[in-house]
Amino acid sequence: MNLLNGIDYGTPKSESENMVTLEIDGVTVTVPQGTSVMRAAAEYGINVPKLCATDSLEAFG
């Protein structure tokens, strides 16, 4: 959590109408296509330690 925005989801929210389903640590999650794994985990309350992901930057690499 950061002090300015509350929860830091790791990357910006995807606006795709297409949904994808994946499994993170045994939990099935469904999110818009293009959502990062870090954001999908955060949206479902799954804690994944991170050092360099922030929702203030566009995804790259």
PDB file of N, CA and C in Angstrom:
ATOM      1  N   MET A   1       0.846  -1.174   0.000  1.00  0.00           N
ATOM      2  CA  MET A   1       0.000   0.000   0.000  1.00  0.00           C
ATOM      3  C   MET A   1       0.887   1.230   0.000  1.00  0.00           C
ATOM      4  N   ASN A   2       0.511   2.225  -0.806  1.00  0.00           N
ATOM      5  CA  ASN A   2       1.253   3.471  -0.722  1.00  0.00           C
ATOM      6  C   ASN A   2       0.383   4.531  -0.066  1.00  0.00           C
ATOM      7  N   LEU A   3       0.970   5.591   0.380  1.00  0.00           N
ATOM      8  CA  LEU A   3       0.245   6.592   1.145  1.00  0.00           C
ATOM      9  C   LEU A   3      -0.649   7.484   0.294  1.00  0.00           C
ATOM     10  N   LEU A   4      -0.389   7.574  -1.001  1.00  0.00           N
ATOM     11  CA  LEU A   4      -1.162   8.471  -1.847  1.00  0.00           C
ATOM     12  C   LEU A   4      -2.426   7.851  -2.409  1.00  0.00           C
ATOM     13  N   ASN A   5      -2.377   6.604  -2.825  1.00  0.00           N
ATOM     14  CA  ASN A   5      -3.501   5.999  -3.540  1.00  0.00           C
ATOM     15  C   ASN A   5      -4.120   4.791  -2.855  1.00  0.00           C
ATOM     16  N   GLY A   6      -3.722   4.446  -1.660  1.00  0.00           N
ATOM     17  CA  GLY A   6      -4.239   3.229  -1.049  1.00  0.00           C
ATOM     18  C   GLY A   6      -3.495   2.027  -1.588  1.00  0.00           C
ATOM     19  N   ILE A   7      -4.222   1.063  -2.146  1.00  0.00           N
ATOM     20  CA  ILE A   7      -3.602  -0.154  -2.677  1.00  0.00           C
ATOM     21  C   ILE A   7      -2.877   0.148  -3.984  1.00  0.00           C
ATOM     22  N   ASP A   8      -1.651  -0.327  -4.109  1.00  0.00           N
ATOM     23  CA  ASP A   8      -0.896  -0.219  -5.360  1.00  0.00           C
ATOM     24  C   ASP A   8      -1.066  -1.545  -6.088  1.00  0.00           C
ATOM     25  N   TYR A   9      -1.793  -1.539  -7.200  1.00  0.00           N
ATOM     26  CA  TYR A   9      -2.099  -2.758  -7.933  1.00  0.00           C
ATOM     27  C   TYR A   9      -0.975  -3.237  -8.839  1.00  0.00           C
ATOM     28  N   GLY A  10       0.135  -2.535  -8.886  1.00  0.00           N
ATOM     29  CA  GLY A  10       1.284  -2.985  -9.658  1.00  0.00           C
ATOM     30  C   GLY A  10       1.349  -2.435 -11.056  1.00  0.00           C
ATOM     31  N   THR A  11       0.217  -2.358 -11.758  1.00  0.00           N
ATOM     32  CA  THR A  11       0.157  -1.818 -13.113  1.00  0.00           C
ATOM     33  C   THR A  11      -1.215  -1.174 -13.313  1.00  0.00           C
ATOM     34  N   PRO A  12      -1.354  -0.325 -14.331  1.00  0.00           N
ATOM     35  CA  PRO A  12      -2.651   0.302 -14.589  1.00  0.00           C
ATOM     36  C   PRO A  12      -3.729  -0.723 -14.944  1.00  0.00           C
ATOM     37  N   LYS A  13      -4.976  -0.374 -14.703  1.00  0.00           N
ATOM     38  CA  LYS A  13      -6.119  -1.239 -14.997  1.00  0.00           C
ATOM     39  C   LYS A  13      -6.297  -1.408 -16.503  1.00  0.00           C
ATOM     40  N   SER A  14      -6.585  -2.631 -16.952  1.00  0.00           N
ATOM     41  CA  SER A  14      -6.860  -2.906 -18.356  1.00  0.00           C
ATOM     42  C   SER A  14      -8.332  -2.611 -18.635  1.00  0.00           C
ATOM     43  N   GLU A  15      -8.612  -2.028 -19.788  1.00  0.00           N
ATOM     44  CA  GLU A  15      -9.985  -1.671 -20.153  1.00  0.00           C
ATOM     45  C   GLU A  15     -10.595  -2.627 -21.175  1.00  0.00           C
ATOM     46  N   SER A  16      -9.992  -3.787 -21.406  1.00  0.00           N
ATOM     47  CA  SER A  16     -10.479  -4.734 -22.402  1.00  0.00           C
ATOM     48  C   SER A  16     -11.839  -5.304 -22.007  1.00  0.00           C
ATOM     49  N   GLU A  17     -12.694  -5.521 -23.001  1.00  0.00           N
ATOM     50  CA  GLU A  17     -13.978  -6.185 -22.765  1.00  0.00           C
ATOM     51  C   GLU A  17     -13.812  -7.702 -22.753  1.00  0.00           C
ATOM     52  N   ASN A  18     -12.693  -8.219 -23.295  1.00  0.00           N
ATOM     53  CA  ASN A  18     -12.416  -9.654 -23.299  1.00  0.00           C
ATOM     54  C   ASN A  18     -11.855 -10.056 -21.947  1.00  0.00           C
ATOM     55  N   MET A  19     -12.374 -11.115 -21.391  1.00  0.00           N
ATOM     56  CA  MET A  19     -11.937 -11.594 -20.078  1.00  0.00           C
ATOM     57  C   MET A  19     -11.071 -12.849 -20.232  1.00  0.00           C
ATOM     58  N   VAL A  20     -10.108 -13.013 -19.328  1.00  0.00           N
ATOM     59  CA  VAL A  20      -9.279 -14.214 -19.282  1.00  0.00           C
ATOM     60  C   VAL A  20      -9.327 -14.775 -17.865  1.00  0.00           C
ATOM     61  N   THR A  21      -9.188 -16.075 -17.761  1.00  0.00           N
ATOM     62  CA  THR A  21      -9.191 -16.744 -16.456  1.00  0.00           C
ATOM     63  C   THR A  21      -7.848 -17.416 -16.266  1.00  0.00           C
ATOM     64  N   LEU A  22      -7.267 -17.243 -15.091  1.00  0.00           N
ATOM     65  CA  LEU A  22      -5.991 -17.861 -14.766  1.00  0.00           C
ATOM     66  C   LEU A  22      -5.998 -18.295 -13.311  1.00  0.00           C
ATOM     67  N   GLU A  23      -4.987 -19.036 -12.927  1.00  0.00           N
ATOM     68  CA  GLU A  23      -4.875 -19.521 -11.555  1.00  0.00           C
ATOM     69  C   GLU A  23      -3.602 -18.963 -10.934  1.00  0.00           C
ATOM     70  N   ILE A  24      -3.762 -18.345  -9.760  1.00  0.00           N
ATOM     71  CA  ILE A  24      -2.628 -17.779  -9.026  1.00  0.00           C
ATOM     72  C   ILE A  24      -2.627 -18.400  -7.639  1.00  0.00           C
ATOM     73  N   ASP A  25      -1.587 -19.126  -7.297  1.00  0.00           N
ATOM     74  CA  ASP A  25      -1.481 -19.788  -5.993  1.00  0.00           C
ATOM     75  C   ASP A  25      -2.728 -20.599  -5.653  1.00  0.00           C
ATOM     76  N   GLY A  26      -3.253 -21.303  -6.663  1.00  0.00           N
ATOM     77  CA  GLY A  26      -4.404 -22.170  -6.447  1.00  0.00           C
ATOM     78  C   GLY A  26      -5.746 -21.459  -6.464  1.00  0.00           C
ATOM     79  N   VAL A  27      -5.763 -20.146  -6.698  1.00  0.00           N
ATOM     80  CA  VAL A  27      -7.007 -19.369  -6.744  1.00  0.00           C
ATOM     81  C   VAL A  27      -7.305 -19.022  -8.203  1.00  0.00           C
ATOM     82  N   THR A  28      -8.501 -19.364  -8.680  1.00  0.00           N
ATOM     83  CA  THR A  28      -8.907 -19.033 -10.038  1.00  0.00           C
ATOM     84  C   THR A  28      -9.401 -17.595 -10.057  1.00  0.00           C
ATOM     85  N   VAL A  29      -8.836 -16.798 -10.969  1.00  0.00           N
ATOM     86  CA  VAL A  29      -9.214 -15.389 -11.097  1.00  0.00           C
ATOM     87  C   VAL A  29      -9.597 -15.100 -12.534  1.00  0.00           C
ATOM     88  N   THR A  30     -10.552 -14.192 -12.725  1.00  0.00           N
ATOM     89  CA  THR A  30     -10.972 -13.768 -14.055  1.00  0.00           C
ATOM     90  C   THR A  30     -10.832 -12.258 -14.120  1.00  0.00           C
ATOM     91  N   VAL A  31     -10.067 -11.797 -15.100  1.00  0.00           N
ATOM     92  CA  VAL A  31      -9.753 -10.371 -15.238  1.00  0.00           C
ATOM     93  C   VAL A  31      -9.787  -9.973 -16.703  1.00  0.00           C
ATOM     94  N   PRO A  32      -9.857  -8.668 -17.012  1.00  0.00           N
ATOM     95  CA  PRO A  32      -9.815  -8.236 -18.406  1.00  0.00           C
ATOM     96  C   PRO A  32      -8.494  -8.620 -19.069  1.00  0.00           C
ATOM     97  N   GLN A  33      -8.570  -9.010 -20.339  1.00  0.00           N
ATOM     98  CA  GLN A  33      -7.361  -9.327 -21.114  1.00  0.00           C
ATOM     99  C   GLN A  33      -6.392  -8.155 -21.044  1.00  0.00           C
ATOM    100  N   GLY A  34      -5.111  -8.446 -20.866  1.00  0.00           N
ATOM    101  CA  GLY A  34      -4.090  -7.420 -20.768  1.00  0.00           C
ATOM    102  C   GLY A  34      -3.740  -7.041 -19.340  1.00  0.00           C
ATOM    103  N   THR A  35      -4.491  -7.568 -18.370  1.00  0.00           N
ATOM    104  CA  THR A  35      -4.201  -7.318 -16.962  1.00  0.00           C
ATOM    105  C   THR A  35      -2.923  -8.039 -16.575  1.00  0.00           C
ATOM    106  N   SER A  36      -2.036  -7.376 -15.871  1.00  0.00           N
ATOM    107  CA  SER A  36      -0.815  -8.044 -15.418  1.00  0.00           C
ATOM    108  C   SER A  36      -1.143  -9.057 -14.324  1.00  0.00           C
ATOM    109  N   VAL A  37      -0.287 -10.043 -14.179  1.00  0.00           N
ATOM    110  CA  VAL A  37      -0.464 -11.029 -13.116  1.00  0.00           C
ATOM    111  C   VAL A  37      -0.400 -10.342 -11.748  1.00  0.00           C
ATOM    112  N   MET A  38       0.479  -9.351 -11.607  1.00  0.00           N
ATOM    113  CA  MET A  38       0.583  -8.622 -10.338  1.00  0.00           C
ATOM    114  C   MET A  38      -0.737  -7.938  -9.993  1.00  0.00           C
ATOM    115  N   ARG A  39      -1.365  -7.296 -10.963  1.00  0.00           N
ATOM    116  CA  ARG A  39      -2.627  -6.608 -10.722  1.00  0.00           C
ATOM    117  C   ARG A  39      -3.748  -7.611 -10.451  1.00  0.00           C
ATOM    118  N   ALA A  40      -3.799  -8.692 -11.227  1.00  0.00           N
ATOM    119  CA  ALA A  40      -4.827  -9.710 -11.017  1.00  0.00           C
ATOM    120  C   ALA A  40      -4.741 -10.250  -9.597  1.00  0.00           C
ATOM    121  N   ALA A  41      -3.544 -10.540  -9.131  1.00  0.00           N
ATOM    122  CA  ALA A  41      -3.367 -11.042  -7.764  1.00  0.00           C
ATOM    123  C   ALA A  41      -3.858 -10.019  -6.751  1.00  0.00           C
ATOM    124  N   ALA A  42      -3.468  -8.762  -6.912  1.00  0.00           N
ATOM    125  CA  ALA A  42      -3.872  -7.716  -5.963  1.00  0.00           C
ATOM    126  C   ALA A  42      -5.383  -7.538  -5.940  1.00  0.00           C
ATOM    127  N   GLU A  43      -6.027  -7.595  -7.108  1.00  0.00           N
ATOM    128  CA  GLU A  43      -7.479  -7.431  -7.172  1.00  0.00           C
ATOM    129  C   GLU A  43      -8.207  -8.537  -6.418  1.00  0.00           C
ATOM    130  N   TYR A  44      -7.600  -9.707  -6.336  1.00  0.00           N
ATOM    131  CA  TYR A  44      -8.215 -10.828  -5.626  1.00  0.00           C
ATOM    132  C   TYR A  44      -7.659 -11.014  -4.218  1.00  0.00           C
ATOM    133  N   GLY A  45      -6.866 -10.056  -3.759  1.00  0.00           N
ATOM    134  CA  GLY A  45      -6.353 -10.113  -2.394  1.00  0.00           C
ATOM    135  C   GLY A  45      -5.224 -11.111  -2.187  1.00  0.00           C
ATOM    136  N   ILE A  46      -4.556 -11.505  -3.280  1.00  0.00           N
ATOM    137  CA  ILE A  46      -3.434 -12.439  -3.199  1.00  0.00           C
ATOM    138  C   ILE A  46      -2.152 -11.622  -3.112  1.00  0.00           C
ATOM    139  N   ASN A  47      -1.407 -11.772  -2.039  1.00  0.00           N
ATOM    140  CA  ASN A  47      -0.188 -10.998  -1.849  1.00  0.00           C
ATOM    141  C   ASN A  47       0.980 -11.639  -2.596  1.00  0.00           C
ATOM    142  N   VAL A  48       1.567 -10.880  -3.503  1.00  0.00           N
ATOM    143  CA  VAL A  48       2.768 -11.307  -4.220  1.00  0.00           C
ATOM    144  C   VAL A  48       3.836 -10.253  -3.929  1.00  0.00           C
ATOM    145  N   PRO A  49       4.918 -10.624  -3.254  1.00  0.00           N
ATOM    146  CA  PRO A  49       5.965  -9.633  -2.972  1.00  0.00           C
ATOM    147  C   PRO A  49       6.485  -9.014  -4.269  1.00  0.00           C
ATOM    148  N   LYS A  50       6.719  -7.703  -4.245  1.00  0.00           N
ATOM    149  CA  LYS A  50       7.200  -7.021  -5.444  1.00  0.00           C
ATOM    150  C   LYS A  50       8.216  -5.956  -5.066  1.00  0.00           C
ATOM    151  N   LEU A  51       9.123  -5.725  -5.983  1.00  0.00           N
ATOM    152  CA  LEU A  51      10.131  -4.697  -5.784  1.00  0.00           C
ATOM    153  C   LEU A  51      10.017  -3.573  -6.795  1.00  0.00           C
ATOM    154  N   CYS A  52       9.522  -3.870  -7.998  1.00  0.00           N
ATOM    155  CA  CYS A  52       9.606  -2.863  -9.053  1.00  0.00           C
ATOM    156  C   CYS A  52       8.308  -2.707  -9.840  1.00  0.00           C
ATOM    157  N   ALA A  53       7.160  -3.034  -9.280  1.00  0.00           N
ATOM    158  CA  ALA A  53       5.897  -2.844  -9.987  1.00  0.00           C
ATOM    159  C   ALA A  53       5.119  -1.729  -9.310  1.00  0.00           C
ATOM    160  N   THR A  54       4.601  -0.816 -10.122  1.00  0.00           N
ATOM    161  CA  THR A  54       3.788   0.271  -9.602  1.00  0.00           C
ATOM    162  C   THR A  54       2.733   0.643 -10.617  1.00  0.00           C
ATOM    163  N   ASP A  55       1.538   0.989 -10.155  1.00  0.00           N
ATOM    164  CA  ASP A  55       0.471   1.347 -11.093  1.00  0.00           C
ATOM    165  C   ASP A  55       0.628   2.764 -11.641  1.00  0.00           C
ATOM    166  N   SER A  56       1.705   3.446 -11.290  1.00  0.00           N
ATOM    167  CA  SER A  56       1.940   4.781 -11.825  1.00  0.00           C
ATOM    168  C   SER A  56       2.706   4.746 -13.148  1.00  0.00           C
ATOM    169  N   LEU A  57       3.078   3.555 -13.637  1.00  0.00           N
ATOM    170  CA  LEU A  57       3.802   3.396 -14.905  1.00  0.00           C
ATOM    171  C   LEU A  57       3.056   2.457 -15.821  1.00  0.00           C
ATOM    172  N   GLU A  58       3.194   2.679 -17.132  1.00  0.00           N
ATOM    173  CA  GLU A  58       2.642   1.742 -18.114  1.00  0.00           C
ATOM    174  C   GLU A  58       3.515   0.483 -18.134  1.00  0.00           C
ATOM    175  N   ALA A  59       2.909  -0.664 -18.424  1.00  0.00           N
ATOM    176  CA  ALA A  59       3.665  -1.923 -18.518  1.00  0.00           C
ATOM    177  C   ALA A  59       4.634  -1.860 -19.710  1.00  0.00           C
ATOM    178  N   PHE A  60       5.798  -2.468 -19.557  1.00  0.00           N
ATOM    179  CA  PHE A  60       6.770  -2.520 -20.641  1.00  0.00           C
ATOM    180  C   PHE A  60       7.634  -3.755 -20.459  1.00  0.00           C
ATOM    181  N   GLY A  61       8.393  -4.096 -21.495  1.00  0.00           N
ATOM    182  CA  GLY A  61       9.333  -5.205 -21.397  1.00  0.00           C
ATOM    183  C   GLY A  61       8.785  -6.515 -21.858  1.00  0.00           C
TER     184      GLY A  61
END
